[in-house]
């Protein structure tokens, strides 16, 4: 009977030491991640752009076509479905989504045509075939086309399976967090 309480105290001490060791080990990681977030650094885990470390740089003035941007998607039924299907990662944007990294290819007032190919003001966009289904064979409804509304942008990625404005249409420009700069990345 004497060994029971002593063994229990020893086990408890080892558990406390292990917990302390884990917490001390996690503290530097937490500090690095917190500083990275505070200074605009983000990790990209989706293949729509190169994987790795990116930085959000403030936009000086208005965004332009060709700008590579970080953008928070709006919390709409289409984005909720995309999150459930796995097209979007979890993150700190409204709705719990992670920001997207996409290229702005059309601004307010420009005409977008979506068929088998994507056209902006009659110009065919390269690497922009429109798919009828996703990688799992589920139907992938596309945007029907039209004029980009005031205060919105149309986004694109050259990655063939990218889920971008070809499928969800123009989104509010107010969701743009800044320009996307690759820091330490690789293309799979």
Protein backbone atom coordinates (compact mmCIF):
# COMPACT_ATOMS: atom_id res chain seq x y z
CA UNK A 1 0.00 0.00 0.00
CA UNK A 2 2.88 2.39 0.65
CA UNK A 3 4.07 2.20 -2.97
CA UNK A 4 0.64 3.19 -4.34
CA UNK A 5 0.58 6.86 -3.24
CA UNK A 6 4.33 7.31 -3.89
CA UNK A 7 4.01 5.88 -7.39
CA UNK A 8 0.99 8.10 -8.00
CA UNK A 9 2.99 11.23 -6.99
CA UNK A 10 5.90 10.20 -9.24
CA UNK A 11 3.56 9.63 -12.18
CA UNK A 12 1.91 12.99 -11.54
CA UNK A 13 5.32 14.76 -11.45
CA UNK A 14 6.33 13.14 -14.74
CA UNK A 15 3.06 14.24 -16.32
CA UNK A 16 3.57 17.79 -15.03
CA UNK A 17 7.15 17.86 -16.36
CA UNK A 18 6.02 16.52 -19.72
CA UNK A 19 3.27 19.12 -19.92
CA UNK A 20 5.74 21.89 -19.02
CA UNK A 21 8.19 20.61 -21.65
CA UNK A 22 5.47 20.58 -24.31
CA UNK A 23 4.33 24.09 -23.40
CA UNK A 24 7.90 25.44 -23.40
CA UNK A 25 8.44 23.78 -26.79
CA UNK A 26 5.27 25.25 -28.26
CA UNK A 27 5.89 28.79 -26.99
CA UNK A 28 8.57 29.67 -29.61
CA UNK A 29 6.38 28.24 -32.38
CA UNK A 30 3.43 30.30 -31.18
CA UNK A 31 5.62 33.42 -31.03
CA UNK A 32 6.94 32.87 -34.57
CA UNK A 33 3.45 32.31 -35.99
CA UNK A 34 2.06 35.36 -34.14
CA UNK A 35 4.87 37.62 -35.40
CA UNK A 36 4.45 36.24 -38.91
CA UNK A 37 0.73 36.98 -38.91
CA UNK A 38 1.33 40.47 -37.48
CA UNK A 39 3.80 41.29 -40.28
CA UNK A 40 1.64 39.90 -43.07
CA UNK A 41 3.26 36.50 -43.62
CA UNK A 42 1.03 33.58 -44.58
CA UNK A 43 1.52 29.96 -45.60
CA UNK A 44 -0.13 28.78 -48.79
CA UNK A 45 -1.07 25.09 -48.82
CA UNK A 46 -3.25 25.14 -51.93
CA UNK A 47 -1.85 24.43 -55.40
CA UNK A 48 -3.62 27.39 -57.06
CA UNK A 49 -0.35 29.26 -56.48
CA UNK A 50 3.10 28.09 -55.43
CA UNK A 51 3.17 26.39 -52.04
CA UNK A 52 5.09 27.98 -49.18
CA UNK A 53 5.60 31.30 -47.45
CA UNK A 54 3.96 34.45 -48.84
CA UNK A 55 3.71 38.03 -47.64
CA UNK A 56 0.76 40.40 -47.89
CA UNK A 57 1.95 43.82 -49.07
CA UNK A 58 -0.36 46.84 -48.80
CA UNK A 59 -1.92 48.07 -52.04
CA UNK A 60 -0.81 51.59 -52.95
CA UNK A 61 -3.89 53.01 -54.64
CA UNK A 62 -6.38 50.86 -56.51
CA UNK A 63 -5.73 47.31 -57.65
CA UNK A 64 -5.06 46.81 -61.35
CA UNK A 65 -5.48 43.92 -63.75
CA UNK A 66 -2.50 41.63 -63.43
CA UNK A 67 -2.12 42.21 -59.67
CA UNK A 68 -1.63 39.05 -57.64
CA UNK A 69 -3.67 39.55 -54.46
CA UNK A 70 -4.66 37.99 -51.17
CA UNK A 71 -8.43 38.22 -50.87
CA UNK A 72 -10.98 37.11 -48.28
CA UNK A 73 -13.92 35.49 -50.02
CA UNK A 74 -17.37 36.72 -49.04
CA UNK A 75 -19.45 34.50 -46.76
CA UNK A 76 -22.09 33.44 -49.28
CA UNK A 77 -23.88 30.13 -49.94
CA UNK A 78 -21.54 29.42 -52.87
CA UNK A 79 -18.45 29.84 -50.68
CA UNK A 80 -19.98 27.82 -47.85
CA UNK A 81 -20.54 24.97 -50.32
CA UNK A 82 -16.99 25.35 -51.63
CA UNK A 83 -15.65 25.10 -48.08
CA UNK A 84 -17.70 21.93 -47.48
CA UNK A 85 -16.36 20.44 -50.73
CA UNK A 86 -12.79 21.21 -49.69
CA UNK A 87 -12.05 23.94 -52.25
CA UNK A 88 -11.32 26.45 -49.47
CA UNK A 89 -9.16 26.08 -46.39
CA UNK A 90 -10.18 27.27 -42.93
CA UNK A 91 -8.76 30.63 -41.89
CA UNK A 92 -9.31 34.03 -40.35
CA UNK A 93 -11.53 35.58 -43.03
CA UNK A 94 -15.26 36.13 -42.36
CA UNK A 95 -17.05 32.80 -42.57
CA UNK A 96 -13.93 31.05 -41.26
CA UNK A 97 -12.26 30.81 -44.70
CA UNK A 98 -8.60 31.24 -45.47
CA UNK A 99 -7.65 33.98 -47.92
CA UNK A 100 -7.25 33.13 -51.59
CA UNK A 101 -4.24 34.08 -53.71
CA UNK A 102 -5.48 35.00 -57.19
CA UNK A 103 -4.70 37.32 -60.09
CA UNK A 104 -7.08 40.18 -60.83
CA UNK A 105 -8.02 39.80 -64.51
CA UNK A 106 -11.01 42.14 -64.76
CA UNK A 107 -12.20 45.25 -62.95
CA UNK A 108 -15.58 46.91 -62.61
CA UNK A 109 -17.22 47.69 -65.93
CA UNK A 110 -15.37 45.02 -67.92
CA UNK A 111 -17.39 42.36 -69.73
CA UNK A 112 -16.72 38.71 -68.84
CA UNK A 113 -17.74 35.85 -71.13
CA UNK A 114 -17.76 32.34 -69.71
CA UNK A 115 -18.28 29.37 -72.04
CA UNK A 116 -15.77 26.66 -72.87
CA UNK A 117 -13.19 29.45 -72.66
CA UNK A 118 -12.99 32.57 -70.56
CA UNK A 119 -13.05 35.96 -72.28
CA UNK A 120 -12.54 39.45 -70.88
CA UNK A 121 -13.84 42.21 -73.20
CA UNK A 122 -13.69 39.69 -76.08
CA UNK A 123 -10.07 38.63 -75.39
CA UNK A 124 -9.58 34.90 -74.67
CA UNK A 125 -7.67 34.26 -71.42
CA UNK A 126 -4.96 31.58 -71.59
CA UNK A 127 -5.05 28.69 -69.11
CA UNK A 128 -8.71 29.36 -68.37
CA UNK A 129 -10.71 26.43 -69.67
CA UNK A 130 -13.99 26.09 -67.83
CA UNK A 131 -14.60 22.64 -66.36
CA UNK A 132 -18.00 21.02 -65.99
CA UNK A 133 -17.03 18.91 -62.95
CA UNK A 134 -14.45 18.92 -60.17
CA UNK A 135 -11.77 16.28 -59.55
CA UNK A 136 -14.30 14.04 -57.81
CA UNK A 137 -16.81 14.20 -60.67
CA UNK A 138 -19.21 16.57 -58.89
CA UNK A 139 -20.95 19.18 -61.06
CA UNK A 140 -19.08 22.48 -61.09
CA UNK A 141 -21.47 25.28 -62.00
CA UNK A 142 -19.77 28.21 -63.70
CA UNK A 143 -20.43 31.92 -63.60
CA UNK A 144 -22.79 32.88 -66.43
CA UNK A 145 -20.85 35.96 -67.50
CA UNK A 146 -21.73 39.63 -67.62
CA UNK A 147 -20.31 42.99 -66.60
CA UNK A 148 -18.18 43.15 -63.44
CA UNK A 149 -20.24 45.28 -61.00
CA UNK A 150 -18.96 48.45 -59.36
CA UNK A 151 -16.69 47.66 -56.41
CA UNK A 152 -15.96 44.11 -57.59
CA UNK A 153 -13.06 42.25 -59.22
CA UNK A 154 -12.83 39.09 -61.32
CA UNK A 155 -10.08 36.67 -60.21
CA UNK A 156 -8.15 33.89 -61.92
CA UNK A 157 -5.34 31.39 -61.41
CA UNK A 158 -3.40 29.55 -64.13
CA UNK A 159 -3.65 26.30 -62.13
CA UNK A 160 -5.99 24.09 -64.20
CA UNK A 161 -8.14 22.99 -61.24
CA UNK A 162 -8.29 26.41 -59.58
CA UNK A 163 -11.60 27.43 -58.10
CA UNK A 164 -11.78 31.07 -59.08
CA UNK A 165 -14.17 33.64 -60.56
CA UNK A 166 -14.89 31.34 -63.52
CA UNK A 167 -17.04 29.47 -60.99
CA UNK A 168 -17.98 31.98 -58.28
CA UNK A 169 -18.11 35.18 -60.34
CA UNK A 170 -16.89 38.66 -59.39
CA UNK A 171 -16.31 39.31 -55.69
CA UNK A 172 -16.20 42.55 -53.67
CA UNK A 173 -12.87 44.36 -53.96
CA UNK A 174 -13.21 45.33 -50.29
CA UNK A 175 -12.13 41.75 -49.45
CA UNK A 176 -8.66 42.34 -50.90
CA UNK A 177 -6.13 42.17 -48.07
CA UNK A 178 -3.18 43.29 -50.21
CA UNK A 179 -0.76 42.23 -52.91
CA UNK A 180 0.73 38.74 -52.69
CA UNK A 181 4.52 38.45 -52.69
CA UNK A 182 6.15 35.02 -52.78
CA UNK A 183 8.86 34.77 -50.11
CA UNK A 184 9.92 31.13 -49.97
CA UNK A 185 7.83 28.97 -52.30
CA UNK A 186 7.95 26.05 -54.66
CA UNK A 187 5.64 24.95 -57.44
CA UNK A 188 4.56 21.29 -57.12
